[in-house]
């Protein structure tokens, strides 16, 4: 009886373990399926993009090239244009037109004076619409407007028509910057992002263009400092009857970008809302060599205010789990020498211009192709001439290009004096000797500059240098002739050794 009970207990235990394992497995399947539903394909925004902030490659897109209003996300362009024009902290006067802007407002009054730096905090932290117009008018008057009446214009007494003219000038600068960045589907009418339309279209952009603008903005440290600030306090002034300034009001603004505290390593962002645009958001993330830009437009209307946070989190989670930095082009990569028919010299030594290497964000499914494309060359090939390209492709999309340039005769001879033998006759004629002499005498030019700075005699020093160079040149010529007739080592051995010796001498001279 006891034995039977024990067997029953063992069976019960076994069944319990099996059921537990199956339950856990089922739960894992369920949670995996739930996570799959949270993929980027299920985001709420009508227009969205996830961008590699360094290369501009689209990592995820949803109607990312369709135009739509973007509300106050406009202000990232307002801010960067103002930063690039106003190199000094200019004083900005409020016009009646600016003071008439609708909420959200700083509630500045006509004639009130602010520093441009303070206004940029008001613009980016609280998204004040009157602030955007104050900035636009003052930047336009100081840096863009060149009318005959410029000296007599005063924002305190400007008509609305004059103010609108200055705002349009600033908007033109915003559009020029957009075109410069390749954002050809963007059209700015206002500096604050209020819904607007003119004969050329509506105030609009695309999710991709908006992300591209943010990727550019975060390269400016002042922009980052402003948009990362938790709060900012400042004062304004008014002119007295004798044209002096007196303090008028004190202000304090706090950052409305709640996502800065909701997600680690978000370095900048801007919200926006209008009746036409709906809720919009653009932000930048940077960590571990990765920069992601998220742009959302038409992400719901009232009662859907938090959808933009959910979508942004979902896209950033996807990016962090999927894309990692990978070296595509090594900084040590160099193209092979090429032969030019009837060239003088016939062998060209090339370099990749500004090759600091190239890294991009890749997923496991991305296919990379790096290829070298050379132009058809014919003599003469000029020094510094572009002769080809190194092209980097990800999934057949060209994302980067390095130019290949010809080093030039003089540089080639410095690298290897045997390159002065243009016709490969193993004899140096007068023309070839001329180029060789120039290349090998460039160090004397540098020595001359250094000796002058050091106060060495301008007559004795060159004489001594010339004498010793002639002696050593003759001595080297004799030794070289004897070594050239020696067949113990391969033909290029002495050339290599002489090159190494030149490098050693160069280091000695430098230090």
Protein backbone atom coordinates (compact mmCIF):
# COMPACT_ATOMS: atom_id res chain seq x y z
CA UNK A 1 0.00 0.00 0.00
CA UNK A 2 2.73 2.36 0.89
CA UNK A 3 4.65 1.52 -2.27
CA UNK A 4 1.61 2.29 -4.42
CA UNK A 5 1.17 5.67 -2.75
CA UNK A 6 4.77 6.49 -3.42
CA UNK A 7 4.38 5.62 -7.12
CA UNK A 8 1.28 7.81 -7.36
CA UNK A 9 3.20 10.70 -5.74
CA UNK A 10 6.02 10.33 -8.27
CA UNK A 11 3.56 10.37 -11.18
CA UNK A 12 1.85 13.45 -9.76
CA UNK A 13 5.20 15.21 -9.43
CA UNK A 14 6.15 14.29 -12.98
CA UNK A 15 2.85 15.57 -14.39
CA UNK A 16 3.25 18.80 -12.43
CA UNK A 17 6.70 19.43 -13.90
CA UNK A 18 5.46 18.73 -17.42
CA UNK A 19 2.51 21.06 -17.04
CA UNK A 20 4.75 23.81 -15.60
CA UNK A 21 7.17 23.54 -18.49
CA UNK A 22 4.33 23.72 -21.00
CA UNK A 23 2.84 26.71 -19.21
CA UNK A 24 6.15 28.59 -19.26
CA UNK A 25 6.66 27.73 -22.92
CA UNK A 26 3.15 28.92 -23.78
CA UNK A 27 3.72 32.13 -21.83
CA UNK A 28 6.95 32.77 -23.72
CA UNK A 29 5.20 32.27 -27.02
CA UNK A 30 2.48 34.66 -25.94
CA UNK A 31 4.86 37.37 -24.84
CA UNK A 32 6.93 36.95 -28.00
CA UNK A 33 3.80 37.38 -30.08
CA UNK A 34 2.85 40.44 -28.04
CA UNK A 35 6.30 41.92 -28.63
CA UNK A 36 5.98 41.26 -32.33
CA UNK A 37 2.81 43.32 -32.35
CA UNK A 38 4.89 46.19 -30.93
CA UNK A 39 7.09 46.27 -34.04
CA UNK A 40 7.59 49.62 -35.83
CA UNK A 41 4.91 48.64 -38.35
CA UNK A 42 2.25 49.23 -35.73
CA UNK A 43 3.09 52.83 -34.82
CA UNK A 44 0.26 55.32 -34.67
CA UNK A 45 1.74 58.34 -36.50
CA UNK A 46 0.59 58.82 -40.08
CA UNK A 47 4.07 60.00 -41.15
CA UNK A 48 7.18 58.67 -39.44
CA UNK A 49 10.86 58.01 -39.96
CA UNK A 50 13.82 56.53 -38.09
CA UNK A 51 17.07 57.95 -39.43
CA UNK A 52 20.74 57.12 -39.00
CA UNK A 53 21.80 60.55 -37.76
CA UNK A 54 25.32 60.26 -39.17
CA UNK A 55 24.65 58.95 -42.69
CA UNK A 56 21.06 60.07 -43.23
CA UNK A 57 20.01 56.53 -44.15
CA UNK A 58 16.37 55.68 -43.51
CA UNK A 59 16.23 52.74 -41.08
CA UNK A 60 12.44 52.74 -40.89
CA UNK A 61 9.86 54.77 -42.77
CA UNK A 62 6.11 55.20 -42.92
CA UNK A 63 4.96 57.68 -45.57
CA UNK A 64 8.23 59.43 -44.78
CA UNK A 65 8.36 61.34 -48.09
CA UNK A 66 4.79 62.70 -48.03
CA UNK A 67 4.31 66.41 -47.28
CA UNK A 68 2.28 67.52 -44.27
CA UNK A 69 2.12 70.43 -41.77
CA UNK A 70 4.67 70.12 -38.95
CA UNK A 71 3.47 72.68 -36.36
CA UNK A 72 6.09 73.89 -33.86
CA UNK A 73 8.73 71.38 -34.89
CA UNK A 74 9.34 74.24 -37.35
CA UNK A 75 11.16 76.00 -34.54
CA UNK A 76 14.26 73.78 -34.77
CA UNK A 77 14.98 75.47 -38.11
CA UNK A 78 14.12 78.90 -36.66
CA UNK A 79 16.63 78.27 -33.90
CA UNK A 80 19.51 77.01 -36.06
CA UNK A 81 19.12 79.83 -38.61
CA UNK A 82 19.16 82.41 -35.80
CA UNK A 83 22.25 80.79 -34.23
CA UNK A 84 24.13 80.81 -37.52
CA UNK A 85 23.32 84.44 -38.34
CA UNK A 86 23.60 86.01 -34.87
CA UNK A 87 27.22 85.44 -33.90
CA UNK A 88 26.83 88.02 -31.13
CA UNK A 89 24.16 88.39 -28.44
CA UNK A 90 22.12 91.12 -30.15
CA UNK A 91 19.22 92.97 -28.51
CA UNK A 92 15.82 92.26 -30.06
CA UNK A 93 12.85 94.63 -30.00
CA UNK A 94 9.24 93.42 -29.99
CA UNK A 95 6.97 94.77 -32.72
CA UNK A 96 3.22 95.16 -32.49
CA UNK A 97 2.90 92.38 -35.06
CA UNK A 98 4.96 89.96 -32.97
CA UNK A 99 3.01 90.82 -29.83
CA UNK A 100 -0.23 89.90 -31.62
CA UNK A 101 0.69 86.23 -32.13
CA UNK A 102 -1.70 83.64 -30.66
CA UNK A 103 -0.94 81.24 -27.83
CA UNK A 104 1.36 79.73 -26.85
CA UNK A 105 2.86 83.14 -25.94
CA UNK A 106 5.63 84.70 -23.91
CA UNK A 107 3.21 87.66 -23.76
CA UNK A 108 5.82 90.18 -24.79
CA UNK A 109 4.55 93.74 -25.30
CA UNK A 110 5.30 96.21 -28.07
CA UNK A 111 8.74 97.82 -27.54
CA UNK A 112 9.93 95.17 -25.05
CA UNK A 113 13.61 94.32 -25.53
CA UNK A 114 15.29 90.92 -25.04
CA UNK A 115 18.67 89.43 -25.78
CA UNK A 116 18.64 86.93 -28.65
CA UNK A 117 20.13 84.26 -26.38
CA UNK A 118 17.25 84.52 -23.92
CA UNK A 119 14.69 84.42 -26.70
CA UNK A 120 16.13 81.14 -28.04
CA UNK A 121 15.39 79.49 -24.68
CA UNK A 122 11.84 80.85 -24.78
CA UNK A 123 11.54 79.52 -28.33
CA UNK A 124 12.79 75.99 -27.70
CA UNK A 125 11.74 75.27 -24.11
CA UNK A 126 8.18 76.67 -24.16
CA UNK A 127 7.60 77.05 -27.91
CA UNK A 128 6.35 80.64 -27.67
CA UNK A 129 4.87 81.84 -30.94
CA UNK A 130 5.47 85.56 -30.34
CA UNK A 131 9.11 84.79 -29.54
CA UNK A 132 9.59 83.11 -32.92
CA UNK A 133 8.37 86.24 -34.72
CA UNK A 134 10.53 88.55 -32.56
CA UNK A 135 13.57 86.45 -33.50
CA UNK A 136 12.63 86.38 -37.19
CA UNK A 137 12.06 90.13 -37.47
CA UNK A 138 15.25 91.09 -35.65
CA UNK A 139 17.51 88.61 -37.48
CA UNK A 140 16.04 89.81 -40.79
CA UNK A 141 16.53 93.50 -39.93
CA UNK A 142 20.10 93.03 -38.65
CA UNK A 143 21.45 90.55 -41.21
CA UNK A 144 19.10 90.05 -44.18
CA UNK A 145 17.40 93.33 -45.08
CA UNK A 146 19.40 95.77 -47.23
CA UNK A 147 16.72 98.30 -48.23
CA UNK A 148 17.45 102.00 -48.40
CA UNK A 149 15.27 102.61 -45.34
CA UNK A 150 17.09 100.07 -43.15
CA UNK A 151 18.76 102.71 -40.96
CA UNK A 152 15.47 104.46 -40.30
CA UNK A 153 13.44 101.31 -39.57
CA UNK A 154 12.44 100.64 -35.99
CA UNK A 155 10.63 97.47 -34.91
CA UNK A 156 8.92 99.47 -32.19
CA UNK A 157 7.20 101.65 -34.80
CA UNK A 158 7.01 99.23 -37.76
CA UNK A 159 3.69 98.68 -39.49
CA UNK A 160 2.33 95.14 -39.71
CA UNK A 161 3.18 95.17 -43.40
CA UNK A 162 6.84 95.97 -42.66
CA UNK A 163 6.94 93.25 -40.00
CA UNK A 164 5.47 90.65 -42.36
CA UNK A 165 8.08 91.60 -44.97
CA UNK A 166 10.88 90.93 -42.46
CA UNK A 167 9.30 87.63 -41.42
CA UNK A 168 9.15 86.52 -45.06
CA UNK A 169 12.83 87.42 -45.44
CA UNK A 170 13.63 85.17 -42.50
CA UNK A 171 11.42 82.41 -43.90
CA UNK A 172 13.39 82.67 -47.16
CA UNK A 173 16.59 82.08 -45.17
CA UNK A 174 14.94 79.02 -43.58
CA UNK A 175 14.06 77.69 -47.04
CA UNK A 176 17.59 78.28 -48.31
CA UNK A 177 18.98 76.32 -45.39
CA UNK A 178 16.49 73.51 -46.07
CA UNK A 179 17.58 73.37 -49.71
CA UNK A 180 21.23 73.37 -48.61
CA UNK A 181 20.50 70.28 -46.49
CA UNK A 182 18.77 68.53 -49.40
CA UNK A 183 15.29 69.00 -47.91
CA UNK A 184 13.55 69.81 -51.18
CA UNK A 185 10.08 68.82 -49.97
CA UNK A 186 10.05 71.42 -47.21
CA UNK A 187 8.43 74.84 -47.45
CA UNK A 188 8.52 77.38 -44.60
CA UNK A 189 6.14 80.34 -44.44
CA UNK A 190 6.21 81.16 -40.73
CA UNK A 191 8.98 80.92 -38.09
CA UNK A 192 6.59 79.50 -35.46
CA UNK A 193 4.89 76.72 -37.42
CA UNK A 194 1.33 78.04 -37.28
CA UNK A 195 -0.79 76.63 -40.10
CA UNK A 196 -0.28 78.86 -43.12
CA UNK A 197 -0.68 78.90 -46.88
CA UNK A 198 0.37 81.15 -49.75
CA UNK A 199 0.52 81.04 -53.55
CA UNK A 200 3.44 78.56 -53.39
CA UNK A 201 1.76 76.02 -51.12
CA UNK A 202 1.23 75.23 -47.45
CA UNK A 203 3.70 75.43 -44.58
CA UNK A 204 4.88 71.81 -44.66
CA UNK A 205 7.67 69.25 -44.65
CA UNK A 206 8.14 65.48 -44.70
CA UNK A 207 9.11 63.22 -41.83
CA UNK A 208 12.40 62.50 -43.59
CA UNK A 209 13.20 66.19 -44.15
CA UNK A 210 12.30 67.03 -40.56
CA UNK A 211 14.64 64.30 -39.29
CA UNK A 212 17.38 65.52 -41.64
CA UNK A 213 17.08 69.05 -40.25
CA UNK A 214 17.34 67.75 -36.68
CA UNK A 215 20.41 65.67 -37.63
CA UNK A 216 22.02 68.91 -38.80
CA UNK A 217 20.92 70.95 -35.77
CA UNK A 218 22.50 68.61 -33.20
CA UNK A 219 25.92 69.27 -34.71
CA UNK A 220 25.64 72.77 -33.18
CA UNK A 221 26.64 72.72 -29.51
CA UNK A 222 24.68 75.89 -28.71
CA UNK A 223 21.54 74.24 -30.08
CA UNK A 224 22.13 71.22 -27.86
CA UNK A 225 22.80 73.36 -24.79
CA UNK A 226 19.51 75.21 -25.27
CA UNK A 227 17.30 72.19 -25.97
CA UNK A 228 18.80 70.18 -23.08
CA UNK A 229 18.23 72.89 -20.49
CA UNK A 230 15.69 72.15 -17.78
CA UNK A 231 14.82 75.81 -17.27
CA UNK A 232 16.01 79.34 -17.94
CA UNK A 233 15.36 82.69 -16.25
CA UNK A 234 15.88 86.11 -17.81
CA UNK A 235 14.74 89.73 -17.78
CA UNK A 236 13.56 92.18 -20.40
CA UNK A 237 13.97 95.94 -20.81
CA UNK A 238 12.15 98.99 -22.09
CA UNK A 239 13.56 102.24 -23.44
CA UNK A 240 13.14 105.31 -21.26
CA UNK A 241 12.37 108.77 -22.62
CA UNK A 242 16.11 109.54 -22.73
CA UNK A 243 16.82 106.26 -24.66
CA UNK A 244 18.28 104.40 -21.72
CA UNK A 245 17.23 100.84 -20.86
CA UNK A 246 15.39 99.94 -17.69
CA UNK A 247 14.39 96.47 -16.51
CA UNK A 248 10.77 95.76 -17.42
CA UNK A 249 9.91 92.14 -16.57
CA UNK A 250 11.32 88.84 -15.32
CA UNK A 251 10.64 85.47 -16.97
CA UNK A 252 11.20 81.82 -16.20
CA UNK A 253 10.75 79.04 -18.77
CA UNK A 254 10.94 75.28 -18.26
CA UNK A 255 11.49 72.54 -20.82
CA UNK A 256 8.26 71.07 -22.24
CA UNK A 257 10.04 68.13 -23.89
CA UNK A 258 8.97 65.46 -21.39
CA UNK A 259 10.69 62.70 -23.36
CA UNK A 260 14.10 63.95 -22.18
CA UNK A 261 13.27 62.42 -18.80
CA UNK A 262 11.39 59.43 -20.19
CA UNK A 263 14.16 57.81 -22.25
CA UNK A 264 17.91 57.59 -21.61
CA UNK A 265 20.39 59.27 -23.97
CA UNK A 266 17.87 61.46 -25.78
CA UNK A 267 19.93 64.60 -26.47
CA UNK A 268 17.38 66.93 -28.08
CA UNK A 269 13.77 67.18 -29.15
CA UNK A 270 10.87 69.42 -30.09
CA UNK A 271 7.12 68.98 -29.85
CA UNK A 272 4.41 70.60 -31.94
CA UNK A 273 0.64 70.81 -32.36
CA UNK A 274 -1.84 72.63 -34.58
CA UNK A 275 -5.31 71.75 -35.77
CA UNK A 276 -4.04 70.80 -39.23
CA UNK A 277 -0.79 69.11 -38.17
CA UNK A 278 -1.93 67.16 -35.13
CA UNK A 279 0.68 66.13 -32.58
CA UNK A 280 4.23 66.16 -33.96
CA UNK A 281 7.58 65.29 -32.44
CA UNK A 282 11.22 65.12 -33.52
CA UNK A 283 14.09 63.99 -31.32
CA UNK A 284 17.70 62.82 -31.38
CA UNK A 285 19.27 59.89 -29.51
CA UNK A 286 23.02 59.33 -29.12
CA UNK A 287 24.88 56.54 -27.31
CA UNK A 288 27.71 54.05 -27.96
CA UNK A 289 28.64 55.50 -31.34
CA UNK A 290 25.03 55.47 -32.54
CA UNK A 291 22.88 58.48 -33.42
CA UNK A 292 19.20 57.95 -34.19
CA UNK A 293 16.70 60.60 -35.27
CA UNK A 294 12.95 60.02 -34.89
CA UNK A 295 10.41 62.27 -36.61
CA UNK A 296 6.64 61.86 -36.19
CA UNK A 297 3.87 63.89 -37.83
CA UNK A 298 0.08 63.61 -37.52
CA UNK A 299 0.51 61.43 -34.44
CA UNK A 300 -3.06 61.90 -33.24
CA UNK A 301 -5.17 64.83 -32.17
CA UNK A 302 -6.56 65.76 -28.69
CA UNK A 303 -7.15 62.74 -26.47
CA UNK A 304 -4.14 61.09 -28.20
CA UNK A 305 -1.49 63.38 -26.71
CA UNK A 306 0.73 60.55 -25.42
CA UNK A 307 0.79 58.54 -28.65
CA UNK A 308 3.90 60.39 -29.81
CA UNK A 309 5.82 59.19 -26.74
CA UNK A 310 4.75 55.57 -27.35
CA UNK A 311 5.74 55.72 -31.02
CA UNK A 312 9.10 57.33 -30.26
CA UNK A 313 9.92 54.74 -27.61
CA UNK A 314 8.94 51.92 -29.96
CA UNK A 315 11.16 53.23 -32.77
CA UNK A 316 14.14 53.83 -30.48
CA UNK A 317 13.77 50.39 -28.89
CA UNK A 318 13.73 48.88 -32.37
CA UNK A 319 16.80 50.88 -33.41
CA UNK A 320 18.83 49.99 -30.32
CA UNK A 321 18.07 46.28 -30.70
CA UNK A 322 18.68 46.13 -34.44
CA UNK A 323 21.41 48.51 -35.60
CA UNK A 324 25.05 48.59 -34.55
CA UNK A 325 28.08 50.55 -35.82
CA UNK A 326 30.22 48.70 -38.37
CA UNK A 327 33.33 49.83 -40.24
CA UNK A 328 32.60 50.01 -43.95
CA UNK A 329 35.71 51.80 -45.24
CA UNK A 330 39.02 51.51 -43.38
CA UNK A 331 41.08 54.66 -42.92
CA UNK A 332 44.08 52.61 -44.10
CA UNK A 333 42.46 51.84 -47.43
CA UNK A 334 44.45 53.13 -50.40
CA UNK A 335 43.91 52.61 -54.12
CA UNK A 336 46.48 50.84 -56.28
CA UNK A 337 48.81 52.79 -58.53
CA UNK A 338 47.58 53.17 -62.09
CA UNK A 339 49.35 53.46 -65.44
CA UNK A 340 48.57 56.33 -67.82
CA UNK A 341 49.42 55.74 -71.43
CA UNK A 342 51.94 58.27 -72.69
CA UNK A 343 51.90 59.78 -69.21
CA UNK A 344 54.83 61.63 -67.76
CA UNK A 345 55.21 59.96 -65.31
CA UNK A 346 53.42 56.90 -66.60
CA UNK A 347 52.70 55.48 -63.10
CA UNK A 348 50.42 57.58 -60.88
CA UNK A 349 50.36 57.32 -57.10
CA UNK A 350 46.90 58.01 -55.73
CA UNK A 351 45.29 58.85 -52.41
CA UNK A 352 41.76 58.80 -51.02
CA UNK A 353 40.95 62.39 -50.08
CA UNK A 354 39.98 63.01 -46.44
CA UNK A 355 39.89 59.31 -45.67
CA UNK A 356 39.24 59.06 -41.95
CA UNK A 357 37.42 55.79 -42.43
CA UNK A 358 33.68 55.37 -42.61
CA UNK A 359 31.35 53.69 -40.14
CA UNK A 360 27.60 53.15 -40.53
CA UNK A 361 24.80 51.52 -38.56
CA UNK A 362 23.97 48.06 -39.89
CA UNK A 363 21.51 45.31 -39.10
CA UNK A 364 22.17 41.61 -39.61
CA UNK A 365 20.22 41.70 -42.86
CA UNK A 366 22.03 44.67 -44.42
CA UNK A 367 24.28 44.00 -47.41
CA UNK A 368 27.36 46.20 -47.86
CA UNK A 369 29.31 46.79 -51.03
CA UNK A 370 32.40 49.01 -51.36
CA UNK A 371 33.69 49.58 -54.87
CA UNK A 372 36.35 51.71 -56.55
CA UNK A 373 35.39 53.49 -59.76
CA UNK A 374 38.25 54.96 -61.81
CA UNK A 375 37.87 57.47 -64.59
CA UNK A 376 39.34 56.93 -68.04
CA UNK A 377 42.60 58.86 -67.89
CA UNK A 378 44.81 60.30 -70.55
CA UNK A 379 47.89 62.49 -70.28
CA UNK A 380 48.37 65.03 -68.89
CA UNK A 381 46.95 64.32 -65.42
CA UNK A 382 47.15 67.39 -63.19
CA UNK A 383 48.21 67.40 -59.55
CA UNK A 384 45.19 67.16 -57.25
CA UNK A 385 42.92 66.06 -60.10
CA UNK A 386 40.05 63.74 -59.16
CA UNK A 387 40.65 60.44 -60.94
CA UNK A 388 38.07 58.17 -59.27
CA UNK A 389 35.74 57.44 -56.37
CA UNK A 390 35.37 54.98 -53.54
CA UNK A 391 31.64 54.30 -53.23
CA UNK A 392 29.94 52.66 -50.27
CA UNK A 393 26.55 50.99 -50.76
CA UNK A 394 24.11 49.54 -48.24
CA UNK A 395 21.38 47.43 -49.85
CA UNK A 396 22.24 48.98 -53.25
CA UNK A 397 21.76 52.51 -51.87
CA UNK A 398 24.83 54.75 -52.17
CA UNK A 399 25.39 56.30 -48.77
CA UNK A 400 28.91 57.70 -49.02
CA UNK A 401 31.65 58.56 -51.47
CA UNK A 402 35.38 59.30 -51.12
CA UNK A 403 37.21 61.02 -53.98
CA UNK A 404 40.51 59.60 -55.27
CA UNK A 405 43.08 62.20 -56.28
CA UNK A 406 46.42 62.23 -58.06
CA UNK A 407 49.20 63.17 -55.66
CA UNK A 408 51.23 65.22 -58.14
CA UNK A 409 54.74 64.78 -59.49
CA UNK A 410 56.57 66.57 -56.68
CA UNK A 411 54.84 64.62 -53.89
CA UNK A 412 55.46 61.35 -55.74
CA UNK A 413 59.17 62.08 -56.03
CA UNK A 414 59.38 62.97 -52.33
CA UNK A 415 57.73 59.63 -51.50
CA UNK A 416 60.07 57.77 -53.84
CA UNK A 417 62.93 59.60 -55.65
CA UNK A 418 63.02 56.87 -58.35
CA UNK A 419 59.67 58.24 -59.59
CA UNK A 420 61.66 61.07 -61.19
CA UNK A 421 62.66 58.59 -63.91
CA UNK A 422 59.56 59.34 -65.97
CA UNK A 423 60.57 57.33 -69.06
CA UNK A 424 61.92 54.36 -66.99
CA UNK A 425 65.24 54.59 -68.84
CA UNK A 426 67.14 54.22 -65.55
CA UNK A 427 68.88 57.47 -66.44
CA UNK A 428 67.93 60.94 -65.25
CA UNK A 429 67.89 63.54 -68.04
CA UNK A 430 67.84 67.33 -67.54
CA UNK A 431 64.02 67.58 -67.29
CA UNK A 432 63.82 64.73 -64.81
CA UNK A 433 66.72 66.15 -62.80
CA UNK A 434 64.87 69.46 -62.56
CA UNK A 435 61.81 67.87 -60.92
CA UNK A 436 64.00 65.72 -58.69
CA UNK A 437 65.95 68.78 -57.51
CA UNK A 438 62.76 70.69 -56.68
CA UNK A 439 61.27 67.80 -54.73
CA UNK A 440 64.41 67.09 -52.72
CA UNK A 441 65.06 70.77 -52.01
CA UNK A 442 61.70 71.57 -50.41
CA UNK A 443 63.20 70.90 -46.99
CA UNK A 444 65.66 73.76 -47.63
CA UNK A 445 62.67 76.09 -48.04
CA UNK A 446 61.40 75.07 -44.61
CA UNK A 447 64.88 75.38 -43.10
CA UNK A 448 65.15 78.90 -44.52
CA UNK A 449 61.93 79.94 -42.78
CA UNK A 450 63.07 78.42 -39.49
CA UNK A 451 66.56 79.96 -39.65
CA UNK A 452 65.13 83.44 -40.30
CA UNK A 453 62.85 83.14 -37.27
CA UNK A 454 65.82 81.94 -35.22
CA UNK A 455 67.91 84.98 -36.33
CA UNK A 456 70.65 83.00 -38.10
CA UNK A 457 72.83 84.94 -40.56
CA UNK A 458 71.13 85.25 -43.95
CA UNK A 459 74.44 85.06 -45.85
CA UNK A 460 76.67 82.65 -43.89
CA UNK A 461 74.06 79.99 -43.21
CA UNK A 462 72.99 79.43 -46.89
CA UNK A 463 76.68 79.29 -47.90
CA UNK A 464 77.45 76.58 -45.36
CA UNK A 465 74.31 74.64 -46.27
CA UNK A 466 75.18 74.74 -49.99
CA UNK A 467 78.79 73.68 -49.38
CA UNK A 468 77.87 70.71 -47.21
CA UNK A 469 75.02 69.66 -49.52
CA UNK A 470 77.40 69.62 -52.51
CA UNK A 471 79.97 67.61 -50.57
CA UNK A 472 77.47 65.08 -49.26
CA UNK A 473 75.71 64.88 -52.64
CA UNK A 474 79.02 64.08 -54.38
CA UNK A 475 79.97 61.58 -51.67
CA UNK A 476 76.54 59.93 -51.90
CA UNK A 477 76.80 59.82 -55.69
CA UNK A 478 80.11 57.94 -55.51
CA UNK A 479 78.77 55.42 -52.97
CA UNK A 480 75.52 55.03 -54.90
CA UNK A 481 77.45 54.27 -58.12
CA UNK A 482 79.40 51.53 -56.39
CA UNK A 483 76.31 50.05 -54.76
CA UNK A 484 74.47 50.16 -58.08
CA UNK A 485 77.14 47.94 -59.60
CA UNK A 486 76.83 45.47 -56.73
CA UNK A 487 74.58 42.52 -57.59
CA UNK A 488 74.49 40.96 -54.12
CA UNK A 489 71.00 42.30 -53.39
CA UNK A 490 67.90 42.78 -55.59
CA UNK A 491 67.75 45.92 -57.78
CA UNK A 492 65.25 47.81 -55.59
CA UNK A 493 67.06 47.17 -52.27
CA UNK A 494 69.13 50.34 -52.32
CA UNK A 495 66.12 52.42 -53.34
CA UNK A 496 64.20 51.14 -50.35
CA UNK A 497 67.15 51.72 -47.99
CA UNK A 498 67.63 55.27 -49.28
CA UNK A 499 63.94 55.97 -48.68
CA UNK A 500 64.18 54.69 -45.12
CA UNK A 501 67.27 56.87 -44.59
CA UNK A 502 65.36 59.94 -45.86
CA UNK A 503 62.54 59.23 -43.40
CA UNK A 504 65.02 58.91 -40.51
CA UNK A 505 66.69 62.18 -41.50
CA UNK A 506 63.27 63.82 -41.68
CA UNK A 507 62.46 62.79 -38.11
CA UNK A 508 65.84 64.04 -36.92
CA UNK A 509 65.28 67.40 -38.60
CA UNK A 510 61.77 67.71 -37.16
CA UNK A 511 62.66 66.95 -33.57
